[in-house]
Protein backbone atom coordinates (compact mmCIF):
# COMPACT_ATOMS: atom_id res chain seq x y z
CA MET A 1 0.00 0.02 0.03
CA THR A 2 1.31 3.40 -0.84
CA LEU A 3 1.00 6.59 1.17
CA HIS A 4 -0.83 9.57 -0.24
CA TRP A 5 0.98 12.64 1.04
CA VAL A 6 -0.75 15.99 1.04
CA PRO A 7 0.20 19.35 2.64
CA ALA A 8 -0.47 19.03 6.38
CA THR A 9 -2.25 22.32 6.49
CA GLU A 10 -4.88 20.83 4.09
CA ARG A 11 -5.73 17.90 6.35
CA THR A 12 -5.60 19.15 9.90
CA ASP A 13 -8.29 16.53 10.66
CA LEU A 14 -5.39 14.02 10.50
CA LEU A 15 -3.49 15.80 13.27
CA ALA A 16 -3.86 16.01 17.03
CA ASP A 17 -5.09 19.42 18.13
CA PRO A 18 -1.70 20.69 19.44
CA VAL A 19 -0.02 19.61 16.24
CA ALA A 20 -2.57 21.29 14.03
CA LEU A 21 -1.81 24.60 15.86
CA VAL A 22 1.83 24.59 14.91
CA VAL A 23 1.98 22.76 11.58
CA PRO A 24 1.47 25.99 9.53
CA ASP A 25 4.93 27.07 10.88
CA ILE A 26 6.66 23.87 9.52
CA ALA A 27 7.70 24.45 5.94
CA GLY A 28 6.84 21.59 3.65
CA ALA A 29 5.07 19.41 6.28
CA GLU A 30 2.99 16.70 4.63
CA VAL A 31 0.59 14.19 6.17
CA ALA A 32 -0.63 10.81 5.05
CA GLU A 33 -3.52 8.74 6.44
CA ILE A 34 -2.62 5.27 7.66
CA ASP A 35 -4.31 2.34 9.34
CA PRO A 36 -4.13 3.14 13.07
CA GLU A 37 -3.49 -0.53 13.79
CA LEU A 38 -0.17 -0.11 11.92
CA ALA A 39 1.05 3.05 13.70
CA ASP A 40 3.86 1.30 15.51
CA THR A 41 7.08 1.94 13.60
CA ALA A 42 8.02 -1.61 12.51
CA ALA A 43 4.48 -2.48 11.35
CA PHE A 44 4.11 0.88 9.62
CA CYS A 45 7.43 0.65 7.79
CA GLU A 46 6.79 -2.96 6.62
CA ARG A 47 3.19 -2.23 5.37
CA TYR A 48 3.87 1.10 3.69
CA GLY A 49 7.38 0.50 2.35
CA VAL A 50 9.17 3.18 4.40
CA ARG A 51 12.69 2.31 5.45
CA LEU A 52 13.43 2.31 9.17
CA ASP A 53 16.23 4.89 8.55
CA GLU A 54 13.63 7.17 6.97
CA SER A 55 11.42 6.98 10.07
CA ALA A 56 12.03 8.87 13.32
CA ASN A 57 10.57 8.11 16.75
CA CYS A 58 9.69 10.60 19.42
CA VAL A 59 10.48 9.27 22.90
CA VAL A 60 9.17 11.19 25.94
CA VAL A 61 11.60 11.16 28.86
CA ALA A 62 10.96 12.04 32.45
CA ALA A 63 14.10 13.57 34.12
CA LYS A 64 14.16 13.77 37.96
CA ARG A 65 16.32 15.81 40.30
CA GLY A 66 15.58 16.98 43.81
CA GLY A 67 11.94 15.99 43.81
CA GLU A 68 11.26 17.83 40.52
CA THR A 69 10.30 16.06 37.35
CA ARG A 70 10.95 17.67 33.94
CA TYR A 71 9.95 16.25 30.62
CA ALA A 72 11.75 16.23 27.28
CA ALA A 73 11.22 14.67 23.89
CA CYS A 74 14.00 12.80 22.07
CA MET A 75 13.93 12.30 18.25
CA VAL A 76 15.94 9.39 16.90
CA LEU A 77 15.88 7.35 13.72
CA ALA A 78 13.92 4.09 14.10
CA THR A 79 17.22 2.22 13.65
CA MET A 80 18.65 3.76 16.79
CA ARG A 81 18.14 3.64 20.57
CA VAL A 82 18.15 6.69 22.86
CA ASP A 83 20.76 6.57 25.58
CA VAL A 84 18.34 7.76 28.28
CA ASN A 85 20.46 6.87 31.29
CA GLY A 86 23.65 8.25 29.83
CA VAL A 87 23.48 11.06 27.23
CA VAL A 88 19.97 12.29 28.00
CA ARG A 89 20.21 12.14 31.79
CA LYS A 90 23.51 14.12 31.71
CA HIS A 91 22.26 16.64 29.15
CA LEU A 92 19.17 17.33 31.23
CA ASP A 93 21.31 17.49 34.46
CA ALA A 94 19.07 14.91 36.07
CA ARG A 95 19.81 12.42 38.84
CA LYS A 96 17.53 9.87 37.18
CA ALA A 97 15.93 9.70 33.70
CA SER A 98 13.57 7.14 32.32
CA PHE A 99 10.87 6.73 29.66
CA ALA A 100 7.73 8.58 30.76
CA SER A 101 4.73 6.37 31.49
CA MET A 102 2.22 6.04 28.72
CA ALA A 103 -0.43 7.76 30.87
CA ASP A 104 1.78 10.72 31.58
CA ALA A 105 2.99 11.01 27.97
CA VAL A 106 -0.58 11.04 26.62
CA GLU A 107 -1.96 13.43 29.26
CA LEU A 108 0.91 15.93 29.07
CA THR A 109 1.07 16.02 25.28
CA GLY A 110 -2.54 15.87 24.34
CA MET A 111 -1.60 13.19 21.75
CA GLU A 112 -2.21 9.49 21.24
CA TYR A 113 0.39 6.97 22.35
CA GLY A 114 2.15 5.67 19.29
CA GLY A 115 1.57 8.98 17.46
CA ILE A 116 3.47 11.43 19.78
CA THR A 117 5.48 13.96 17.81
CA PRO A 118 7.78 16.87 18.74
CA LEU A 119 5.41 19.33 17.03
CA GLY A 120 3.00 20.95 19.46
CA LEU A 121 4.66 19.79 22.68
CA PRO A 122 4.48 21.99 25.78
CA GLY A 123 6.74 25.03 25.23
CA ASP A 124 9.01 24.34 28.17
CA TRP A 125 9.96 20.86 27.01
CA PRO A 126 13.43 20.55 25.33
CA VAL A 127 13.24 18.66 22.10
CA LEU A 128 16.48 16.70 21.69
CA VAL A 129 17.06 15.90 18.01
CA ASP A 130 19.66 13.33 17.18
CA THR A 131 22.23 14.57 14.65
CA HIS A 132 21.19 11.78 12.19
CA VAL A 133 17.55 13.02 12.27
CA ALA A 134 18.66 16.65 11.82
CA GLU A 135 20.70 15.72 8.73
CA HIS A 136 17.79 13.97 6.93
CA ALA A 137 16.14 15.74 4.02
CA ARG A 138 12.82 14.08 4.95
CA VAL A 139 11.78 11.88 7.86
CA VAL A 140 8.46 10.30 8.66
CA ILE A 141 7.28 11.04 12.23
CA GLY A 142 4.10 10.82 14.25
CA SER A 143 1.22 13.25 13.78
CA GLY A 144 -0.21 13.16 17.27
CA ILE A 145 -2.75 10.52 16.32
CA ARG A 146 -2.30 6.86 15.35
CA GLY A 147 -4.24 7.27 12.05
CA SER A 148 -1.62 9.31 10.17
CA LYS A 149 2.05 10.17 9.81
CA LEU A 150 3.84 13.38 9.06
CA ALA A 151 6.82 13.90 6.73
CA VAL A 152 9.11 16.83 7.55
CA SER A 153 12.70 17.79 7.00
CA GLY A 154 15.26 17.11 9.74
CA ALA A 155 16.12 20.82 9.47
CA ALA A 156 12.55 21.68 10.40
CA LEU A 157 12.85 19.54 13.54
CA ALA A 158 16.24 21.01 14.37
CA GLY A 159 14.79 24.43 13.92
CA LEU A 160 11.96 24.04 16.49
CA LYS A 161 12.07 26.76 19.11
CA SER A 162 13.07 24.37 21.93
CA ALA A 163 15.20 22.00 19.85
CA GLU A 164 18.76 21.03 20.62
CA VAL A 165 20.78 18.89 18.20
CA LEU A 166 23.10 16.31 19.74
CA SER A 167 24.15 12.68 19.44
CA LEU A 168 21.53 10.75 21.45
CA ALA A 169 22.93 7.25 21.01
CA GLY A 170 25.33 6.06 23.72
């Protein structure tokens, strides 16, 4: 099955509300409708013919220090793993860092689990973009819902207001 990409501003019904608010600021963002049962990266890539190194995952991390919990989003290619306990924990100056619970990630982002994207996240969250993602001409990412995917440039992700580009793999 092939994906039918259209400008994301023309199909905001395929975006979570917080994503729809910011997508007009993302040059060239396109959206494609998918089967929500195939939203998980491996199933999506296999069914729609997208290579894993063309797909980027958004991982929500909870960083803790002194009784305070701060959240961040990490963008890595689907072929990579985020070094949460090393690189991310140190970068966020946290005593402990872990993947945020599904319930917290959904509640805090206003997005569906399996569709969380760095677009439209709370403004005080850092968005840590791996260098491999930032260098991509076009990556496929979540849209905030499980029923679609966005395609954007790595430069657009690196250019987000709260974005920081670094090597996120250990």
